Amino acid sequence: MTILENAIKRFGALRSADAPEWADENGVVPTIYWKPLTGEEQGKLMRMSKAQEDNAEEYGARLFITKAIDKDGKPLFGVEDMPALLAEVDFTVVNRITSEMLNVLSPKAASKN
């Protein structure tokens, strides 16, 4: 197999991060799943954010909404959730998970995965 064929074969694997900060009243910690970001999705997000004149936080919320799914592949959030994600939740959780979505981890943290 070529490198590209291997990359394509491994592309669809689900990735996940727990959000213990968002545990429910029974202590159940939600898990946010996503599939890797494609170049096509990145371009669409960039164009959408540019058209909306998004700041970094709005871009992060838009990425989170676009990529966050449950274990069955169903979206966890919709565009209508953007105001709440920006103003009513601990945004460090969104930042942490979107950083993982973009694989923006330190080399030390990345080596643990």
C-alpha atoms as a PDB file:
ATOM      1  CA  MET A   1       0.000   0.000   0.000  1.00  0.00           C
ATOM      2  CA  THR A   2       1.094   3.547  -0.632  1.00  0.00           C
ATOM      3  CA  ILE A   3       1.297   6.173   2.098  1.00  0.00           C
ATOM      4  CA  LEU A   4      -1.835   7.839   0.723  1.00  0.00           C
ATOM      5  CA  GLU A   5      -3.750   4.552   0.704  1.00  0.00           C
ATOM      6  CA  ASN A   6      -2.750   3.946   4.322  1.00  0.00           C
ATOM      7  CA  ALA A   7      -3.786   7.478   5.279  1.00  0.00           C
ATOM      8  CA  ILE A   8      -7.179   7.052   3.605  1.00  0.00           C
ATOM      9  CA  LYS A   9      -7.690   3.646   5.230  1.00  0.00           C
ATOM     10  CA  ARG A  10      -7.029   5.044   8.716  1.00  0.00           C
ATOM     11  CA  PHE A  11      -8.880   8.315   8.239  1.00  0.00           C
ATOM     12  CA  GLY A  12     -12.356   7.486   9.539  1.00  0.00           C
ATOM     13  CA  ALA A  13     -11.401   6.334  13.031  1.00  0.00           C
ATOM     14  CA  LEU A  14     -13.459   8.003  15.736  1.00  0.00           C
ATOM     15  CA  ARG A  15     -11.568  10.041  18.278  1.00  0.00           C
ATOM     16  CA  SER A  16     -12.924  11.151  21.623  1.00  0.00           C
ATOM     17  CA  ALA A  17     -12.450  13.276  24.697  1.00  0.00           C
ATOM     18  CA  ASP A  18     -14.273  13.204  27.997  1.00  0.00           C
ATOM     19  CA  ALA A  19     -15.786  16.362  29.446  1.00  0.00           C
ATOM     20  CA  PRO A  20     -15.834  15.721  33.221  1.00  0.00           C
ATOM     21  CA  GLU A  21     -16.643  19.387  33.773  1.00  0.00           C
ATOM     22  CA  TRP A  22     -20.022  18.717  32.129  1.00  0.00           C
ATOM     23  CA  ALA A  23     -20.971  15.618  34.140  1.00  0.00           C
ATOM     24  CA  ASP A  24     -24.676  15.248  34.883  1.00  0.00           C
ATOM     25  CA  GLU A  25     -26.251  15.185  38.348  1.00  0.00           C
ATOM     26  CA  ASN A  26     -25.482  11.443  38.595  1.00  0.00           C
ATOM     27  CA  GLY A  27     -21.806  11.999  37.844  1.00  0.00           C
ATOM     28  CA  VAL A  28     -22.000  10.554  34.327  1.00  0.00           C
ATOM     29  CA  VAL A  29     -19.209  12.134  32.311  1.00  0.00           C
ATOM     30  CA  PRO A  30     -20.107  12.878  28.691  1.00  0.00           C
ATOM     31  CA  THR A  31     -17.777  11.783  25.934  1.00  0.00           C
ATOM     32  CA  ILE A  32     -17.465  13.964  22.849  1.00  0.00           C
ATOM     33  CA  TYR A  33     -16.603  12.051  19.686  1.00  0.00           C
ATOM     34  CA  TRP A  34     -15.429  13.320  16.317  1.00  0.00           C
ATOM     35  CA  LYS A  35     -13.910  12.178  13.067  1.00  0.00           C
ATOM     36  CA  PRO A  36     -10.718  13.858  11.876  1.00  0.00           C
ATOM     37  CA  LEU A  37     -11.101  17.233  10.218  1.00  0.00           C
ATOM     38  CA  THR A  38     -10.710  17.145   6.441  1.00  0.00           C
ATOM     39  CA  GLY A  39      -9.138  19.898   4.377  1.00  0.00           C
ATOM     40  CA  GLU A  40     -12.527  20.404   2.775  1.00  0.00           C
ATOM     41  CA  GLU A  41     -14.193  20.918   6.166  1.00  0.00           C
ATOM     42  CA  GLN A  42     -11.394  23.245   7.287  1.00  0.00           C
ATOM     43  CA  GLY A  43     -11.866  25.379   4.164  1.00  0.00           C
ATOM     44  CA  LYS A  44     -15.633  25.519   4.652  1.00  0.00           C
ATOM     45  CA  LEU A  45     -15.215  26.557   8.291  1.00  0.00           C
ATOM     46  CA  MET A  46     -12.686  29.221   7.336  1.00  0.00           C
ATOM     47  CA  ARG A  47     -14.959  30.655   4.624  1.00  0.00           C
ATOM     48  CA  MET A  48     -17.970  30.600   6.936  1.00  0.00           C
ATOM     49  CA  SER A  49     -16.030  32.259   9.745  1.00  0.00           C
ATOM     50  CA  LYS A  50     -14.642  34.904   7.396  1.00  0.00           C
ATOM     51  CA  ALA A  51     -18.141  35.673   6.076  1.00  0.00           C
ATOM     52  CA  GLN A  52     -19.446  35.960   9.645  1.00  0.00           C
ATOM     53  CA  GLU A  53     -16.353  37.930  10.737  1.00  0.00           C
ATOM     54  CA  ASP A  54     -15.835  35.421  13.558  1.00  0.00           C
ATOM     55  CA  ASN A  55     -13.265  35.943  16.258  1.00  0.00           C
ATOM     56  CA  ALA A  56     -11.174  33.024  17.536  1.00  0.00           C
ATOM     57  CA  GLU A  57     -13.798  31.962  20.082  1.00  0.00           C
ATOM     58  CA  GLU A  58     -16.588  31.987  17.510  1.00  0.00           C
ATOM     59  CA  TYR A  59     -14.427  29.935  15.141  1.00  0.00           C
ATOM     60  CA  GLY A  60     -13.774  27.450  17.943  1.00  0.00           C
ATOM     61  CA  ALA A  61     -17.476  27.178  18.745  1.00  0.00           C
ATOM     62  CA  ARG A  62     -18.273  26.712  15.048  1.00  0.00           C
ATOM     63  CA  LEU A  63     -15.652  23.921  14.807  1.00  0.00           C
ATOM     64  CA  PHE A  64     -17.006  22.279  17.974  1.00  0.00           C
ATOM     65  CA  ILE A  65     -20.576  22.380  16.660  1.00  0.00           C
ATOM     66  CA  THR A  66     -19.512  21.019  13.276  1.00  0.00           C
ATOM     67  CA  LYS A  67     -17.432  18.099  14.558  1.00  0.00           C
ATOM     68  CA  ALA A  68     -18.905  17.013  17.938  1.00  0.00           C
ATOM     69  CA  ILE A  69     -20.913  13.809  17.599  1.00  0.00           C
ATOM     70  CA  ASP A  70     -22.124  11.004  19.831  1.00  0.00           C
ATOM     71  CA  LYS A  71     -20.795   7.450  19.600  1.00  0.00           C
ATOM     72  CA  ASP A  72     -23.420   6.693  16.918  1.00  0.00           C
ATOM     73  CA  GLY A  73     -22.317   9.621  14.747  1.00  0.00           C
ATOM     74  CA  LYS A  74     -25.238  11.937  15.536  1.00  0.00           C
ATOM     75  CA  PRO A  75     -24.470  15.651  15.995  1.00  0.00           C
ATOM     76  CA  LEU A  76     -24.431  16.772  19.619  1.00  0.00           C
ATOM     77  CA  PHE A  77     -24.917  20.460  18.863  1.00  0.00           C
ATOM     78  CA  GLY A  78     -26.499  22.677  16.252  1.00  0.00           C
ATOM     79  CA  VAL A  79     -25.870  26.215  15.060  1.00  0.00           C
ATOM     80  CA  GLU A  80     -28.615  27.338  17.432  1.00  0.00           C
ATOM     81  CA  ASP A  81     -26.346  26.294  20.337  1.00  0.00           C
ATOM     82  CA  MET A  82     -23.572  28.725  19.396  1.00  0.00           C
ATOM     83  CA  PRO A  83     -24.741  31.612  21.633  1.00  0.00           C
ATOM     84  CA  ALA A  84     -24.965  29.302  24.657  1.00  0.00           C
ATOM     85  CA  LEU A  85     -21.561  27.742  23.947  1.00  0.00           C
ATOM     86  CA  LEU A  86     -20.043  31.212  23.766  1.00  0.00           C
ATOM     87  CA  ALA A  87     -21.768  32.779  26.770  1.00  0.00           C
ATOM     88  CA  GLU A  88     -23.169  30.139  29.104  1.00  0.00           C
ATOM     89  CA  VAL A  89     -20.574  27.356  29.436  1.00  0.00           C
ATOM     90  CA  ASP A  90     -16.981  27.038  30.583  1.00  0.00           C
ATOM     91  CA  PHE A  91     -15.316  27.804  27.258  1.00  0.00           C
ATOM     92  CA  THR A  92     -12.036  26.267  28.392  1.00  0.00           C
ATOM     93  CA  VAL A  93     -13.766  22.896  27.929  1.00  0.00           C
ATOM     94  CA  VAL A  94     -14.694  23.804  24.346  1.00  0.00           C
ATOM     95  CA  ASN A  95     -11.139  25.063  23.754  1.00  0.00           C
ATOM     96  CA  ARG A  96      -9.598  21.896  25.169  1.00  0.00           C
ATOM     97  CA  ILE A  97     -11.725  19.615  23.012  1.00  0.00           C
ATOM     98  CA  THR A  98     -11.374  21.685  19.840  1.00  0.00           C
ATOM     99  CA  SER A  99      -7.601  21.688  20.403  1.00  0.00           C
ATOM    100  CA  GLU A 100      -7.760  17.901  20.504  1.00  0.00           C
ATOM    101  CA  MET A 101      -9.941  17.934  17.382  1.00  0.00           C
ATOM    102  CA  LEU A 102      -7.261  19.941  15.624  1.00  0.00           C
ATOM    103  CA  ASN A 103      -4.592  17.816  17.302  1.00  0.00           C
ATOM    104  CA  VAL A 104      -3.030  20.944  18.754  1.00  0.00           C
ATOM    105  CA  LEU A 105      -1.285  19.134  21.563  1.00  0.00           C
ATOM    106  CA  SER A 106       2.160  19.414  22.984  1.00  0.00           C
ATOM    107  CA  PRO A 107       4.499  16.673  21.735  1.00  0.00           C
ATOM    108  CA  LYS A 108       4.436  15.152  25.223  1.00  0.00           C
ATOM    109  CA  ALA A 109       0.618  15.015  25.332  1.00  0.00           C
ATOM    110  CA  ALA A 110       0.404  13.760  21.760  1.00  0.00           C
ATOM    111  CA  SER A 111       2.772  10.879  22.528  1.00  0.00           C
ATOM    112  CA  LYS A 112       0.311   9.613  25.173  1.00  0.00           C
ATOM    113  CA  ASN A 113      -2.373   9.018  22.521  1.00  0.00           C
END
